[in-house]
Amino acid sequence: MTAGHGSCDGGVAVDALEGAGTVVLAGRILPGAELPPGAACDAAMRMQSVPVTLTRPVGDRIVVDAATGAPLERRQGR
């Protein structure tokens, strides 16, 4: 899965809740290091590939975004 975070964040983690017919993915921002006084972060979005380990293959289950409740688009080979 690919997820975005701010340039001063510590990255992204993804939690998965698996059901019989769905896999719900919830991304969360990891804390970054404290900035020195007077330092600033830029406004750029950093994209990060995040591995998600499931207990069984996705198969025919619907993969859902926990934040929006919308199904996520699945790419070939994933």
PDB file of N, CA and C in Angstrom:
ATOM      1  N   MET A   1       0.846  -1.161   0.000  1.00  0.00           N
ATOM      2  CA  MET A   1       0.000   0.000   0.000  1.00  0.00           C
ATOM      3  C   MET A   1       0.897   1.231   0.000  1.00  0.00           C
ATOM      4  N   THR A   2       0.465   2.283  -0.660  1.00  0.00           N
ATOM      5  CA  THR A   2       1.186   3.551  -0.663  1.00  0.00           C
ATOM      6  C   THR A   2       0.375   4.563   0.118  1.00  0.00           C
ATOM      7  N   ALA A   3       1.037   5.267   1.028  1.00  0.00           N
ATOM      8  CA  ALA A   3       0.363   6.261   1.861  1.00  0.00           C
ATOM      9  C   ALA A   3       1.240   7.504   1.953  1.00  0.00           C
ATOM     10  N   GLY A   4       0.617   8.634   2.201  1.00  0.00           N
ATOM     11  CA  GLY A   4       1.340   9.894   2.280  1.00  0.00           C
ATOM     12  C   GLY A   4       1.472  10.401   3.698  1.00  0.00           C
ATOM     13  N   HIS A   5       2.528  11.199   3.918  1.00  0.00           N
ATOM     14  CA  HIS A   5       2.742  11.840   5.214  1.00  0.00           C
ATOM     15  C   HIS A   5       3.536  13.114   5.002  1.00  0.00           C
ATOM     16  N   GLY A   6       3.579  13.959   6.016  1.00  0.00           N
ATOM     17  CA  GLY A   6       4.324  15.205   5.943  1.00  0.00           C
ATOM     18  C   GLY A   6       5.820  14.972   6.038  1.00  0.00           C
ATOM     19  N   SER A   7       6.592  15.952   5.612  1.00  0.00           N
ATOM     20  CA  SER A   7       8.040  15.790   5.553  1.00  0.00           C
ATOM     21  C   SER A   7       8.699  15.704   6.925  1.00  0.00           C
ATOM     22  N   CYS A   8       8.051  16.156   7.967  1.00  0.00           N
ATOM     23  CA  CYS A   8       8.632  16.071   9.312  1.00  0.00           C
ATOM     24  C   CYS A   8       8.020  14.948  10.149  1.00  0.00           C
ATOM     25  N   ASP A   9       7.086  14.211   9.575  1.00  0.00           N
ATOM     26  CA  ASP A   9       6.521  13.060  10.280  1.00  0.00           C
ATOM     27  C   ASP A   9       7.526  11.913  10.251  1.00  0.00           C
ATOM     28  N   GLY A  10       7.280  10.901  11.071  1.00  0.00           N
ATOM     29  CA  GLY A  10       8.161   9.745  11.131  1.00  0.00           C
ATOM     30  C   GLY A  10       7.810   8.655  10.144  1.00  0.00           C
ATOM     31  N   GLY A  11       6.861   8.904   9.273  1.00  0.00           N
ATOM     32  CA  GLY A  11       6.439   7.908   8.302  1.00  0.00           C
ATOM     33  C   GLY A  11       5.010   7.483   8.544  1.00  0.00           C
ATOM     34  N   VAL A  12       4.634   6.356   7.965  1.00  0.00           N
ATOM     35  CA  VAL A  12       3.263   5.864   8.024  1.00  0.00           C
ATOM     36  C   VAL A  12       3.269   4.394   8.417  1.00  0.00           C
ATOM     37  N   ALA A  13       2.290   4.001   9.199  1.00  0.00           N
ATOM     38  CA  ALA A  13       2.044   2.591   9.488  1.00  0.00           C
ATOM     39  C   ALA A  13       0.615   2.288   9.050  1.00  0.00           C
ATOM     40  N   VAL A  14       0.350   1.061   8.671  1.00  0.00           N
ATOM     41  CA  VAL A  14      -0.991   0.668   8.247  1.00  0.00           C
ATOM     42  C   VAL A  14      -1.430  -0.527   9.082  1.00  0.00           C
ATOM     43  N   ASP A  15      -2.605  -0.402   9.691  1.00  0.00           N
ATOM     44  CA  ASP A  15      -3.205  -1.484  10.455  1.00  0.00           C
ATOM     45  C   ASP A  15      -4.303  -2.113   9.609  1.00  0.00           C
ATOM     46  N   ALA A  16      -4.453  -3.432   9.693  1.00  0.00           N
ATOM     47  CA  ALA A  16      -5.462  -4.152   8.914  1.00  0.00           C
ATOM     48  C   ALA A  16      -6.410  -4.886   9.848  1.00  0.00           C
ATOM     49  N   LEU A  17      -7.697  -4.750   9.576  1.00  0.00           N
ATOM     50  CA  LEU A  17      -8.735  -5.502  10.273  1.00  0.00           C
ATOM     51  C   LEU A  17      -9.365  -6.411   9.230  1.00  0.00           C
ATOM     52  N   GLU A  18      -9.198  -7.717   9.415  1.00  0.00           N
ATOM     53  CA  GLU A  18      -9.670  -8.683   8.425  1.00  0.00           C
ATOM     54  C   GLU A  18     -11.002  -9.305   8.826  1.00  0.00           C
ATOM     55  N   GLY A  19     -11.923  -9.341   7.884  1.00  0.00           N
ATOM     56  CA  GLY A  19     -13.191 -10.027   8.068  1.00  0.00           C
ATOM     57  C   GLY A  19     -13.368 -11.059   6.971  1.00  0.00           C
ATOM     58  N   ALA A  20     -14.488 -11.755   7.015  1.00  0.00           N
ATOM     59  CA  ALA A  20     -14.760 -12.788   6.014  1.00  0.00           C
ATOM     60  C   ALA A  20     -14.872 -12.204   4.608  1.00  0.00           C
ATOM     61  N   GLY A  21     -15.489 -11.011   4.490  1.00  0.00           N
ATOM     62  CA  GLY A  21     -15.709 -10.423   3.172  1.00  0.00           C
ATOM     63  C   GLY A  21     -14.974  -9.135   2.924  1.00  0.00           C
ATOM     64  N   THR A  22     -14.270  -8.622   3.941  1.00  0.00           N
ATOM     65  CA  THR A  22     -13.582  -7.340   3.787  1.00  0.00           C
ATOM     66  C   THR A  22     -12.224  -7.350   4.473  1.00  0.00           C
ATOM     67  N   VAL A  23     -11.388  -6.434   4.024  1.00  0.00           N
ATOM     68  CA  VAL A  23     -10.140  -6.093   4.700  1.00  0.00           C
ATOM     69  C   VAL A  23     -10.169  -4.583   4.844  1.00  0.00           C
ATOM     70  N   VAL A  24     -10.162  -4.088   6.077  1.00  0.00           N
ATOM     71  CA  VAL A  24     -10.196  -2.654   6.329  1.00  0.00           C
ATOM     72  C   VAL A  24      -8.780  -2.200   6.664  1.00  0.00           C
ATOM     73  N   LEU A  25      -8.287  -1.198   5.917  1.00  0.00           N
ATOM     74  CA  LEU A  25      -6.945  -0.672   6.125  1.00  0.00           C
ATOM     75  C   LEU A  25      -7.018   0.722   6.731  1.00  0.00           C
ATOM     76  N   ALA A  26      -6.280   0.910   7.824  1.00  0.00           N
ATOM     77  CA  ALA A  26      -6.251   2.203   8.511  1.00  0.00           C
ATOM     78  C   ALA A  26      -4.804   2.676   8.604  1.00  0.00           C
ATOM     79  N   GLY A  27      -4.519   3.785   7.965  1.00  0.00           N
ATOM     80  CA  GLY A  27      -3.176   4.368   8.033  1.00  0.00           C
ATOM     81  C   GLY A  27      -3.068   5.297   9.226  1.00  0.00           C
ATOM     82  N   ARG A  28      -1.872   5.372   9.779  1.00  0.00           N
ATOM     83  CA  ARG A  28      -1.629   6.320  10.870  1.00  0.00           C
ATOM     84  C   ARG A  28      -0.240   6.907  10.698  1.00  0.00           C
ATOM     85  N   ILE A  29      -0.125   8.153  11.069  1.00  0.00           N
ATOM     86  CA  ILE A  29       1.137   8.882  10.955  1.00  0.00           C
ATOM     87  C   ILE A  29       1.984   8.591  12.192  1.00  0.00           C
ATOM     88  N   LEU A  30       3.242   8.271  11.963  1.00  0.00           N
ATOM     89  CA  LEU A  30       4.162   8.028  13.064  1.00  0.00           C
ATOM     90  C   LEU A  30       4.843   9.332  13.469  1.00  0.00           C
ATOM     91  N   PRO A  31       5.093   9.512  14.759  1.00  0.00           N
ATOM     92  CA  PRO A  31       5.726  10.765  15.193  1.00  0.00           C
ATOM     93  C   PRO A  31       7.145  10.891  14.643  1.00  0.00           C
ATOM     94  N   GLY A  32       7.505  12.102  14.312  1.00  0.00           N
ATOM     95  CA  GLY A  32       8.850  12.378  13.820  1.00  0.00           C
ATOM     96  C   GLY A  32       9.729  12.895  14.946  1.00  0.00           C
ATOM     97  N   ALA A  33      10.968  13.149  14.605  1.00  0.00           N
ATOM     98  CA  ALA A  33      11.906  13.704  15.582  1.00  0.00           C
ATOM     99  C   ALA A  33      11.532  15.153  15.873  1.00  0.00           C
ATOM    100  N   GLU A  34      11.842  15.589  17.071  1.00  0.00           N
ATOM    101  CA  GLU A  34      11.564  16.980  17.444  1.00  0.00           C
ATOM    102  C   GLU A  34      12.499  17.891  16.657  1.00  0.00           C
ATOM    103  N   LEU A  35      11.952  18.970  16.131  1.00  0.00           N
ATOM    104  CA  LEU A  35      12.742  19.920  15.345  1.00  0.00           C
ATOM    105  C   LEU A  35      13.525  20.857  16.263  1.00  0.00           C
ATOM    106  N   PRO A  36      14.681  21.286  15.816  1.00  0.00           N
ATOM    107  CA  PRO A  36      15.419  22.292  16.588  1.00  0.00           C
ATOM    108  C   PRO A  36      14.657  23.615  16.578  1.00  0.00           C
ATOM    109  N   PRO A  37      14.868  24.471  17.570  1.00  0.00           N
ATOM    110  CA  PRO A  37      14.184  25.775  17.597  1.00  0.00           C
ATOM    111  C   PRO A  37      14.434  26.546  16.302  1.00  0.00           C
ATOM    112  N   GLY A  38      13.367  27.125  15.767  1.00  0.00           N
ATOM    113  CA  GLY A  38      13.460  27.920  14.543  1.00  0.00           C
ATOM    114  C   GLY A  38      13.387  27.111  13.261  1.00  0.00           C
ATOM    115  N   ALA A  39      13.432  25.799  13.350  1.00  0.00           N
ATOM    116  CA  ALA A  39      13.356  24.963  12.141  1.00  0.00           C
ATOM    117  C   ALA A  39      11.899  24.825  11.709  1.00  0.00           C
ATOM    118  N   ALA A  40      11.697  24.598  10.418  1.00  0.00           N
ATOM    119  CA  ALA A  40      10.345  24.444   9.886  1.00  0.00           C
ATOM    120  C   ALA A  40      10.307  23.283   8.904  1.00  0.00           C
ATOM    121  N   CYS A  41       9.130  22.728   8.750  1.00  0.00           N
ATOM    122  CA  CYS A  41       8.914  21.668   7.762  1.00  0.00           C
ATOM    123  C   CYS A  41       8.351  22.279   6.491  1.00  0.00           C
ATOM    124  N   ASP A  42       8.687  21.692   5.356  1.00  0.00           N
ATOM    125  CA  ASP A  42       8.064  22.150   4.124  1.00  0.00           C
ATOM    126  C   ASP A  42       6.661  21.537   4.022  1.00  0.00           C
ATOM    127  N   ALA A  43       5.898  21.959   3.061  1.00  0.00           N
ATOM    128  CA  ALA A  43       4.511  21.502   2.919  1.00  0.00           C
ATOM    129  C   ALA A  43       4.390  20.321   1.957  1.00  0.00           C
ATOM    130  N   ALA A  44       5.497  19.696   1.619  1.00  0.00           N
ATOM    131  CA  ALA A  44       5.484  18.602   0.646  1.00  0.00           C
ATOM    132  C   ALA A  44       4.889  17.333   1.246  1.00  0.00           C
ATOM    133  N   MET A  45       4.150  16.627   0.426  1.00  0.00           N
ATOM    134  CA  MET A  45       3.615  15.318   0.798  1.00  0.00           C
ATOM    135  C   MET A  45       4.641  14.270   0.398  1.00  0.00           C
ATOM    136  N   ARG A  46       5.006  13.431   1.329  1.00  0.00           N
ATOM    137  CA  ARG A  46       5.954  12.347   1.069  1.00  0.00           C
ATOM    138  C   ARG A  46       5.163  11.053   0.909  1.00  0.00           C
ATOM    139  N   MET A  47       5.379  10.347  -0.171  1.00  0.00           N
ATOM    140  CA  MET A  47       4.695   9.083  -0.403  1.00  0.00           C
ATOM    141  C   MET A  47       5.602   7.944   0.037  1.00  0.00           C
ATOM    142  N   GLN A  48       5.013   6.978   0.701  1.00  0.00           N
ATOM    143  CA  GLN A  48       5.778   5.864   1.242  1.00  0.00           C
ATOM    144  C   GLN A  48       5.048   4.559   0.945  1.00  0.00           C
ATOM    145  N   SER A  49       5.796   3.586   0.481  1.00  0.00           N
ATOM    146  CA  SER A  49       5.249   2.250   0.280  1.00  0.00           C
ATOM    147  C   SER A  49       5.283   1.537   1.633  1.00  0.00           C
ATOM    148  N   VAL A  50       4.128   1.023   2.050  1.00  0.00           N
ATOM    149  CA  VAL A  50       4.005   0.395   3.361  1.00  0.00           C
ATOM    150  C   VAL A  50       3.544  -1.055   3.178  1.00  0.00           C
ATOM    151  N   PRO A  51       4.343  -2.009   3.639  1.00  0.00           N
ATOM    152  CA  PRO A  51       3.904  -3.403   3.528  1.00  0.00           C
ATOM    153  C   PRO A  51       2.769  -3.694   4.508  1.00  0.00           C
ATOM    154  N   VAL A  52       1.801  -4.471   4.079  1.00  0.00           N
ATOM    155  CA  VAL A  52       0.688  -4.885   4.936  1.00  0.00           C
ATOM    156  C   VAL A  52       0.649  -6.403   4.911  1.00  0.00           C
ATOM    157  N   THR A  53       0.780  -7.027   6.083  1.00  0.00           N
ATOM    158  CA  THR A  53       0.766  -8.480   6.176  1.00  0.00           C
ATOM    159  C   THR A  53      -0.605  -8.938   6.652  1.00  0.00           C
ATOM    160  N   LEU A  54      -1.233  -9.802   5.879  1.00  0.00           N
ATOM    161  CA  LEU A  54      -2.547 -10.330   6.225  1.00  0.00           C
ATOM    162  C   LEU A  54      -2.411 -11.782   6.670  1.00  0.00           C
ATOM    163  N   THR A  55      -3.420 -12.269   7.388  1.00  0.00           N
ATOM    164  CA  THR A  55      -3.390 -13.656   7.847  1.00  0.00           C
ATOM    165  C   THR A  55      -3.692 -14.637   6.723  1.00  0.00           C
ATOM    166  N   ARG A  56      -4.356 -14.154   5.662  1.00  0.00           N
ATOM    167  CA  ARG A  56      -4.622 -14.977   4.486  1.00  0.00           C
ATOM    168  C   ARG A  56      -4.731 -14.059   3.272  1.00  0.00           C
ATOM    169  N   PRO A  57      -4.634 -14.599   2.069  1.00  0.00           N
ATOM    170  CA  PRO A  57      -4.709 -13.757   0.878  1.00  0.00           C
ATOM    171  C   PRO A  57      -6.021 -12.960   0.808  1.00  0.00           C
ATOM    172  N   VAL A  58      -5.957 -11.815   0.148  1.00  0.00           N
ATOM    173  CA  VAL A  58      -7.141 -10.970  -0.007  1.00  0.00           C
ATOM    174  C   VAL A  58      -8.242 -11.733  -0.738  1.00  0.00           C
ATOM    175  N   GLY A  59      -7.885 -12.443  -1.800  1.00  0.00           N
ATOM    176  CA  GLY A  59      -8.873 -13.202  -2.561  1.00  0.00           C
ATOM    177  C   GLY A  59      -9.984 -12.309  -3.091  1.00  0.00           C
ATOM    178  N   ASP A  60     -11.241 -12.682  -2.832  1.00  0.00           N
ATOM    179  CA  ASP A  60     -12.401 -11.920  -3.304  1.00  0.00           C
ATOM    180  C   ASP A  60     -12.872 -10.874  -2.301  1.00  0.00           C
ATOM    181  N   ARG A  61     -12.173 -10.736  -1.178  1.00  0.00           N
ATOM    182  CA  ARG A  61     -12.603  -9.756  -0.173  1.00  0.00           C
ATOM    183  C   ARG A  61     -12.457  -8.336  -0.704  1.00  0.00           C
ATOM    184  N   ILE A  62     -13.308  -7.455  -0.237  1.00  0.00           N
ATOM    185  CA  ILE A  62     -13.253  -6.046  -0.607  1.00  0.00           C
ATOM    186  C   ILE A  62     -12.298  -5.353   0.347  1.00  0.00           C
ATOM    187  N   VAL A  63     -11.369  -4.558  -0.207  1.00  0.00           N
ATOM    188  CA  VAL A  63     -10.420  -3.798   0.603  1.00  0.00           C
ATOM    189  C   VAL A  63     -10.987  -2.392   0.778  1.00  0.00           C
ATOM    190  N   VAL A  64     -11.122  -1.961   2.044  1.00  0.00           N
ATOM    191  CA  VAL A  64     -11.820  -0.723   2.379  1.00  0.00           C
ATOM    192  C   VAL A  64     -10.884   0.233   3.116  1.00  0.00           C
ATOM    193  N   ASP A  65     -11.004   1.514   2.813  1.00  0.00           N
ATOM    194  CA  ASP A  65     -10.288   2.580   3.517  1.00  0.00           C
ATOM    195  C   ASP A  65     -11.038   2.882   4.811  1.00  0.00           C
ATOM    196  N   ALA A  66     -10.394   2.718   5.963  1.00  0.00           N
ATOM    197  CA  ALA A  66     -11.055   2.943   7.250  1.00  0.00           C
ATOM    198  C   ALA A  66     -11.499   4.395   7.431  1.00  0.00           C
ATOM    199  N   ALA A  67     -10.767   5.340   6.875  1.00  0.00           N
ATOM    200  CA  ALA A  67     -11.090   6.755   7.058  1.00  0.00           C
ATOM    201  C   ALA A  67     -12.339   7.174   6.297  1.00  0.00           C
ATOM    202  N   THR A  68     -12.542   6.623   5.097  1.00  0.00           N
ATOM    203  CA  THR A  68     -13.656   7.064   4.259  1.00  0.00           C
ATOM    204  C   THR A  68     -14.760   6.019   4.138  1.00  0.00           C
ATOM    205  N   GLY A  69     -14.435   4.756   4.413  1.00  0.00           N
ATOM    206  CA  GLY A  69     -15.397   3.673   4.215  1.00  0.00           C
ATOM    207  C   GLY A  69     -15.525   3.255   2.759  1.00  0.00           C
ATOM    208  N   ALA A  70     -14.731   3.876   1.891  1.00  0.00           N
ATOM    209  CA  ALA A  70     -14.803   3.588   0.456  1.00  0.00           C
ATOM    210  C   ALA A  70     -13.900   2.405   0.095  1.00  0.00           C
ATOM    211  N   PRO A  71     -14.325   1.608  -0.876  1.00  0.00           N
ATOM    212  CA  PRO A  71     -13.455   0.529  -1.359  1.00  0.00           C
ATOM    213  C   PRO A  71     -12.202   1.127  -2.001  1.00  0.00           C
ATOM    214  N   LEU A  72     -11.081   0.459  -1.804  1.00  0.00           N
ATOM    215  CA  LEU A  72      -9.829   0.891  -2.420  1.00  0.00           C
ATOM    216  C   LEU A  72      -9.634   0.167  -3.743  1.00  0.00           C
ATOM    217  N   GLU A  73      -9.059   0.870  -4.696  1.00  0.00           N
ATOM    218  CA  GLU A  73      -8.776   0.270  -5.997  1.00  0.00           C
ATOM    219  C   GLU A  73      -7.635  -0.724  -5.839  1.00  0.00           C
ATOM    220  N   ARG A  74      -7.833  -1.903  -6.374  1.00  0.00           N
ATOM    221  CA  ARG A  74      -6.788  -2.921  -6.326  1.00  0.00           C
ATOM    222  C   ARG A  74      -6.041  -2.922  -7.633  1.00  0.00           C
ATOM    223  N   ARG A  75      -4.728  -3.005  -7.542  1.00  0.00           N
ATOM    224  CA  ARG A  75      -3.885  -3.025  -8.740  1.00  0.00           C
ATOM    225  C   ARG A  75      -3.561  -4.463  -9.106  1.00  0.00           C
ATOM    226  N   GLN A  76      -3.293  -4.671 -10.379  1.00  0.00           N
ATOM    227  CA  GLN A  76      -2.915  -6.010 -10.849  1.00  0.00           C
ATOM    228  C   GLN A  76      -1.684  -6.493 -10.119  1.00  0.00           C
ATOM    229  N   GLY A  77      -1.681  -7.755  -9.743  1.00  0.00           N
ATOM    230  CA  GLY A  77      -0.514  -8.351  -9.107  1.00  0.00           C
ATOM    231  C   GLY A  77      -0.377  -8.047  -7.640  1.00  0.00           C
ATOM    232  N   ARG A  78      -1.393  -7.412  -7.050  1.00  0.00           N
ATOM    233  CA  ARG A  78      -1.305  -7.052  -5.628  1.00  0.00           C
ATOM    234  C   ARG A  78      -2.487  -7.572  -4.872  1.00  0.00           C
TER     235      ARG A  78
END
